[in-house]
Structures are given as C-alpha cells and as structure tokens.
Protein backbone atom coordinates (compact mmCIF):
# COMPACT_ATOMS: atom_id res chain seq x y z
CA UNK A 1 -53.91 100.61 45.70
CA UNK A 2 -50.59 101.98 44.70
CA UNK A 3 -48.61 100.35 47.96
CA UNK A 4 -50.65 97.40 47.17
CA UNK A 5 -49.19 96.87 43.83
CA UNK A 6 -45.73 97.62 45.35
CA UNK A 7 -46.12 94.86 47.42
CA UNK A 8 -47.37 92.20 45.12
CA UNK A 9 -44.39 93.27 42.93
CA UNK A 10 -42.33 92.46 45.99
CA UNK A 11 -43.85 89.19 47.01
CA UNK A 12 -43.38 88.44 43.33
CA UNK A 13 -39.55 88.75 43.10
CA UNK A 14 -38.86 87.39 45.74
CA UNK A 15 -40.78 84.04 45.29
CA UNK A 16 -38.81 84.38 41.70
CA UNK A 17 -35.28 84.64 43.68
CA UNK A 18 -36.52 81.72 45.95
CA UNK A 19 -36.72 79.64 42.62
CA UNK A 20 -33.59 80.27 40.72
CA UNK A 21 -31.98 79.72 44.87
CA UNK A 22 -33.38 76.27 45.05
CA UNK A 23 -32.55 75.49 40.99
CA UNK A 24 -29.20 76.68 41.89
CA UNK A 25 -29.01 74.64 44.80
CA UNK A 26 -30.06 71.47 43.11
CA UNK A 27 -28.08 72.14 40.06
CA UNK A 28 -25.13 72.30 42.74
CA UNK A 29 -26.06 69.07 44.67
CA UNK A 30 -26.51 67.07 41.20
CA UNK A 31 -23.05 68.18 40.19
CA UNK A 32 -21.29 66.51 43.52
CA UNK A 33 -23.04 63.46 42.90
CA UNK A 34 -21.85 63.15 39.33
CA UNK A 35 -17.86 64.73 40.44
CA UNK A 36 -15.48 62.41 39.04
CA UNK A 37 -13.32 60.57 41.73
CA UNK A 38 -10.56 59.73 40.35
CA UNK A 39 -7.57 61.35 38.87
CA UNK A 40 -6.67 60.17 34.80
CA UNK A 41 -3.21 58.68 35.50
CA UNK A 42 -2.57 58.75 31.32
CA UNK A 43 -0.16 61.65 32.55
CA UNK A 44 1.36 60.89 35.80
CA UNK A 45 4.19 61.92 37.23
CA UNK A 46 6.73 60.17 39.39
CA UNK A 47 8.35 63.06 41.39
CA UNK A 48 4.32 63.12 42.85
CA UNK A 49 4.36 59.23 43.51
CA UNK A 50 8.01 59.84 44.97
CA UNK A 51 6.45 62.71 47.61
CA UNK A 52 3.28 61.05 48.02
CA UNK A 53 5.76 57.67 49.28
CA UNK A 54 8.34 59.86 51.27
CA UNK A 55 5.22 61.90 52.71
CA UNK A 56 3.46 58.63 54.14
CA UNK A 57 6.74 57.16 55.18
CA UNK A 58 7.39 60.51 57.24
CA UNK A 59 3.65 60.23 59.00
CA UNK A 60 4.28 56.47 60.18
CA UNK A 61 7.55 57.35 61.46
CA UNK A 62 5.74 60.21 62.69
CA UNK A 63 3.19 57.79 64.74
CA UNK A 64 5.90 55.91 66.19
CA UNK A 65 8.18 58.92 67.33
CA UNK A 66 8.36 58.63 71.02
CA UNK A 67 9.92 55.08 70.52
CA UNK A 68 13.01 54.06 69.50
CA UNK A 69 14.09 53.98 65.56
CA UNK A 70 15.13 50.81 64.22
CA UNK A 71 18.30 51.27 61.93
CA UNK A 72 17.25 48.19 60.39
CA UNK A 73 13.60 48.89 58.89
CA UNK A 74 13.03 50.96 55.83
CA UNK A 75 9.64 51.21 54.24
CA UNK A 76 8.18 49.60 56.99
CA UNK A 77 10.30 46.36 56.37
CA UNK A 78 13.02 45.04 58.78
CA UNK A 79 16.36 44.39 56.55
CA UNK A 80 19.55 42.65 57.27
CA UNK A 81 22.60 44.46 57.01
CA UNK A 82 25.87 43.33 54.66
CA UNK A 83 28.90 44.59 52.63
CA UNK A 84 31.12 43.83 50.04
CA UNK A 85 34.69 44.72 49.00
CA UNK A 86 36.59 45.41 45.87
CA UNK A 87 40.09 45.98 45.18
CA UNK A 88 43.13 45.80 47.09
CA UNK A 89 44.92 48.34 49.26
CA UNK A 90 44.36 51.85 49.32
CA UNK A 91 42.04 51.74 46.43
CA UNK A 92 40.00 49.34 48.26
CA UNK A 93 36.23 50.28 47.97
CA UNK A 94 33.08 48.98 50.39
CA UNK A 95 29.80 48.97 49.88
CA UNK A 96 27.73 48.82 53.09
CA UNK A 97 23.78 48.26 51.96
CA UNK A 98 21.13 46.67 53.55
CA UNK A 99 18.98 43.57 51.65
CA UNK A 100 15.50 41.85 52.43
CA UNK A 101 15.15 38.69 54.79
CA UNK A 102 14.61 35.38 53.11
CA UNK A 103 10.62 35.35 54.04
CA UNK A 104 10.48 39.21 52.79
CA UNK A 105 12.04 38.12 48.86
CA UNK A 106 10.32 39.92 45.73
CA UNK A 107 11.44 39.81 42.55
CA UNK A 108 12.01 42.40 39.71
CA UNK A 109 9.16 44.15 38.83
CA UNK A 110 7.38 42.98 35.81
CA UNK A 111 8.42 46.27 34.93
CA UNK A 112 11.52 47.47 36.09
CA UNK A 113 13.93 48.25 33.78
CA UNK A 114 17.26 47.43 36.87
CA UNK A 115 17.27 45.56 39.79
CA UNK A 116 19.67 45.01 42.41
CA UNK A 117 20.81 42.17 44.29
CA UNK A 118 23.47 41.12 46.23
CA UNK A 119 24.75 37.66 45.31
CA UNK A 120 25.99 35.05 48.35
CA UNK A 121 27.76 33.21 45.91
CA UNK A 122 29.67 35.53 44.31
CA UNK A 123 30.05 38.15 47.22
CA UNK A 124 29.01 40.94 45.02
CA UNK A 125 26.40 43.51 44.22
CA UNK A 126 24.73 42.78 40.96
CA UNK A 127 22.10 44.36 38.88
CA UNK A 128 20.60 41.59 36.42
CA UNK A 129 16.68 40.86 36.11
CA UNK A 130 17.76 37.05 35.86
CA UNK A 131 18.04 36.74 39.69
CA UNK A 132 19.61 33.65 41.59
CA UNK A 133 17.00 33.11 44.22
CA UNK A 134 18.40 30.71 46.25
CA UNK A 135 21.43 33.40 46.99
CA UNK A 136 20.16 36.36 46.58
CA UNK A 137 19.80 39.28 48.92
CA UNK A 138 17.77 41.80 47.04
CA UNK A 139 18.54 45.20 47.93
CA UNK A 140 16.07 47.84 50.42
CA UNK A 141 17.30 50.65 52.47
CA UNK A 142 20.37 52.37 52.77
CA UNK A 143 23.40 51.89 50.57
CA UNK A 144 27.02 53.23 51.13
CA UNK A 145 29.85 52.63 49.19
CA UNK A 146 33.26 53.81 50.26
CA UNK A 147 36.96 54.29 50.05
CA UNK A 148 38.68 54.44 53.47
CA UNK A 149 36.61 57.70 54.53
CA UNK A 150 35.61 59.16 51.82
CA UNK A 151 32.08 58.60 50.83
CA UNK A 152 31.58 57.99 47.03
CA UNK A 153 27.97 57.11 46.33
CA UNK A 154 25.15 56.89 48.67
CA UNK A 155 21.38 56.21 48.06
CA UNK A 156 18.57 54.02 48.81
CA UNK A 157 17.08 51.14 47.61
CA UNK A 158 13.25 49.52 47.36
CA UNK A 159 12.70 46.26 46.44
CA UNK A 160 15.66 45.77 44.42
CA UNK A 161 15.66 49.86 42.81
CA UNK A 162 17.09 52.98 43.44
CA UNK A 163 14.56 55.20 45.29
CA UNK A 164 14.79 58.58 46.91
CA UNK A 165 18.09 60.83 46.35
CA UNK A 166 21.19 59.66 45.15
CA UNK A 167 24.45 61.58 45.49
CA UNK A 168 28.24 60.54 43.84
CA UNK A 169 31.62 61.91 44.81
CA UNK A 170 35.06 61.77 43.76
CA UNK A 171 37.80 60.82 45.01
CA UNK A 172 38.76 64.84 46.32
CA UNK A 173 35.18 64.60 47.99
CA UNK A 174 33.29 66.94 44.74
CA UNK A 175 29.98 66.11 44.08
CA UNK A 176 29.78 64.75 40.59
CA UNK A 177 25.95 63.76 40.05
CA UNK A 178 22.90 64.27 42.47
CA UNK A 179 19.78 62.27 41.01
CA UNK A 180 16.25 61.22 42.57
CA UNK A 181 14.65 58.31 41.98
CA UNK A 182 10.84 56.68 41.92
CA UNK A 183 11.98 52.92 42.07
CA UNK A 184 14.29 52.50 39.60
CA UNK A 185 13.32 55.54 37.57
CA UNK A 186 14.69 59.31 37.38
CA UNK A 187 11.62 61.32 39.06
CA UNK A 188 10.75 63.87 36.11
CA UNK A 189 9.89 60.55 33.98
CA UNK A 190 6.81 60.43 32.87
CA UNK A 191 4.63 57.10 33.02
CA UNK A 192 1.07 56.29 31.54
CA UNK A 193 -1.15 53.59 31.84
CA UNK A 194 -3.81 51.32 30.30
CA UNK A 195 -6.32 51.96 33.08
CA UNK A 196 -7.14 53.83 35.94
CA UNK A 197 -5.52 51.48 38.87
CA UNK A 198 -2.47 52.24 37.77
CA UNK A 199 -1.26 48.68 37.38
CA UNK A 200 -1.03 47.92 33.37
CA UNK A 201 1.64 50.06 32.42
CA UNK A 202 1.59 51.53 28.81
CA UNK A 203 5.04 53.64 28.67
CA UNK A 204 7.73 55.24 30.55
CA UNK A 205 9.05 58.70 28.69
CA UNK A 206 12.21 58.81 30.32
CA UNK A 207 13.01 63.16 31.35
CA UNK A 208 15.82 64.84 32.67
CA UNK A 209 15.82 68.55 32.97
CA UNK A 210 13.16 68.84 31.41
CA UNK A 211 13.82 67.46 28.43
CA UNK A 212 13.49 63.67 27.28
CA UNK A 213 16.94 61.73 27.95
CA UNK A 214 18.05 57.84 28.36
CA UNK A 215 15.67 54.77 27.83
CA UNK A 216 12.14 54.92 26.80
CA UNK A 217 9.79 51.19 26.88
CA UNK A 218 6.31 50.94 25.60
CA UNK A 219 4.26 48.09 26.38
CA UNK A 220 1.54 46.05 25.32
CA UNK A 221 -2.13 45.59 26.93
CA UNK A 222 -0.94 42.31 28.21
CA UNK A 223 2.38 43.49 29.80
CA UNK A 224 4.39 42.37 26.65
CA UNK A 225 8.05 45.19 25.84
CA UNK A 226 6.50 46.70 22.50
CA UNK A 227 8.84 49.66 21.83
CA UNK A 228 12.33 50.26 23.43
CA UNK A 229 14.69 53.28 22.31
CA UNK A 230 16.83 55.71 23.20
CA UNK A 231 16.98 59.49 23.91
CA UNK A 232 19.14 62.08 23.79
CA UNK A 233 18.55 65.33 23.78
CA UNK A 234 15.07 65.14 22.99
CA UNK A 235 16.29 62.93 20.12
CA UNK A 236 15.83 59.93 19.15
CA UNK A 237 19.31 57.92 19.20
CA UNK A 238 20.25 54.80 17.57
CA UNK A 239 18.59 51.63 17.29
CA UNK A 240 14.84 52.13 18.14
CA UNK A 241 13.28 48.14 18.14
CA UNK A 242 9.65 47.10 18.21
CA UNK A 243 7.98 44.02 18.82
CA UNK A 244 4.70 42.07 18.75
CA UNK A 245 2.62 41.32 21.82
CA UNK A 246 4.10 37.46 21.85
CA UNK A 247 7.19 38.71 22.19
CA UNK A 248 8.99 38.21 18.81
CA UNK A 249 10.68 41.08 17.53
CA UNK A 250 8.60 42.89 14.98
CA UNK A 251 11.36 45.35 13.30
CA UNK A 252 14.46 47.84 14.04
CA UNK A 253 14.68 51.10 12.72
CA UNK A 254 17.85 52.67 12.82
CA UNK A 255 18.10 56.44 14.00
CA UNK A 256 21.17 58.77 13.93
CA UNK A 257 23.99 58.26 16.72
CA UNK A 258 23.92 61.91 17.05
CA UNK A 259 21.01 63.56 18.55
CA UNK A 260 20.72 66.65 15.97
CA UNK A 261 22.48 64.65 13.06
CA UNK A 262 19.06 65.83 10.65
CA UNK A 263 20.13 61.83 8.53
CA UNK A 264 16.45 60.17 8.37
CA UNK A 265 15.72 57.12 9.95
CA UNK A 266 15.23 53.71 8.14
CA UNK A 267 14.21 50.32 9.05
CA UNK A 268 17.12 47.95 9.12
CA UNK A 269 15.19 44.49 9.43
CA UNK A 270 11.71 43.27 9.83
CA UNK A 271 10.12 40.13 10.60
CA UNK A 272 6.61 38.54 10.42
CA UNK A 273 4.77 37.38 13.70
CA UNK A 274 6.23 33.28 14.21
CA UNK A 275 9.69 35.27 13.63
CA UNK A 276 10.60 35.31 9.91
CA UNK A 277 12.59 37.69 8.29
CA UNK A 278 10.63 39.57 5.90
CA UNK A 279 13.17 42.27 5.26
CA UNK A 280 16.65 42.88 5.55
CA UNK A 281 17.70 46.64 3.75
CA UNK A 282 21.41 45.31 3.26
CA UNK A 283 19.91 42.14 1.42
CA UNK A 284 17.47 44.90 -0.35
CA UNK A 285 20.42 46.98 -1.45
CA UNK A 286 22.86 44.47 -2.62
CA UNK A 287 20.29 43.24 -4.60
CA UNK A 288 18.69 46.47 -6.56
CA UNK A 289 22.81 47.65 -6.59
C-alpha cells in the first residue's frame, strides 16, 4: 500500500514537472516570436558603421583575392586619377587624388558638412557644398599631398567626404595629426535619427577624445537645419543659431568665447517665421539706457 502511494506521488511530480517544462517552452517560443529584430538608431556610434563599412569592403576584396586588385577601384566604384600643383620651386606641393567618373557623379549628401571636389576650370581641389557639376570631379578614393618626396597628408575620400584614416605630417616627417572619419565626420561623433531606417538625421554631436568638440548640427524632421553651433572642451562657445523648419533664422544665442568662462549666454537677435526682426539686444539696451 505504501509502495503504491509513493508510486502515485512520483507520477504526480513527473506530470507537474512536465507541465512546467511545456509552459516554459511555450513562453520561450512566444518571446522569440515577439523579440525585437532591430537596433535602435537613436544613439548610433559612427565608429561602428565605419568598422562595418571597412569589414564589408574587406570581405568584398576577399572574394576577389585571387584576381589582381585594380588600384583605381575604391568602395566598389572605379575612379580616375588626377593631380594638382600649388606653389613653385622647392616649396611646390602636389596633390595626388582619385575622382568619380561623370556617370557616377553624386552631389553633396543632404547632411554633409564638407564636400571635396576637383575644379577642372581652376585646376584645384575645392571644399564647397556649392558644386559646379559641369566641371567638377568628386573626390573618391586614395589621396596624397606631397612636397617633393615628403608626404604631408594622406587619407581616403568617399563620394566627396573624408572617410577612414587620415594623417598629416610636417616637413620634418613628424606625425602632427591622425584622425579617423566616417563619411565626413570624426569617428567618435554621435548620430541620432528620427527613424529606424537611419535616413532622417536628427542631430550630430561632435566628439573628440571623449568630449564634445567641434561643430554641432540638429535638423528638423523635414531635413532642414534646426540648430548649428560649436563645442569646445565640452562647452558651448561663440554664436549658436536656431532655424525654423522653413530655413529662416529663428534666433542667435551668444555663448562665451572661452570654454571655461562662466558668463551666462544671452539672445542677441530673434526673428519671426516670416523673417521679420522682433528682438535686437543692442537696440533694446539702447532704449532702456
């Protein structure tokens, strides 16, 4: 009789354990079914995308490693070679670069800060968002600047923007500067987006050696500039401008010129959405005094 009771208890425990296991498996399958399949782009590190781009490029090269590498192909696009000279005699510098063919021409990215292209008319490299397409060669690929045999600067461009490792030397061959860019921005910059597809940029926070350093940009949802200003040693400095979504200036806010100056910022001017000046600090102070 006692043995029968023990047997019944064992069967009951086994059934309960089986039920718990089945329930756990069901919950696990539900969790997998509703698991989020995307990464939030609201705090995307530019360096991660740079590493991903370089990795993809290396994988692409690995597929063709048995073939001879074409020195004119960069990021899967075939380019042309060019050069530009400046100065005379022993001080003459030569820039060796690659640029996109006419059929591969692309204009500045909507969020580009800088855009480099070779002006065939002036015979020099220009950094300007106002591109004269008829005689512009958009820089893409390897770039070198030399004075005689001395290398002064070296890096890569991606469709008109600095991309990857850039180094600069002085005339004594001493390394002066080394930076890594991601499509025109320092690699540590923080990018935030309005959408998960990372197409509508919200803001670009410049970061250098762990501190906010450089030009800050924020954008409206329609893509127009919302705010632009400058950080120095993690502090806002100089004039910061705010814009309406119709591209008109909204206000100018003045911060101290020195990063550790504790002077309070102030609004110097403000306009309405139609562009009419509604506040001028100088005029206001003149009336009060």
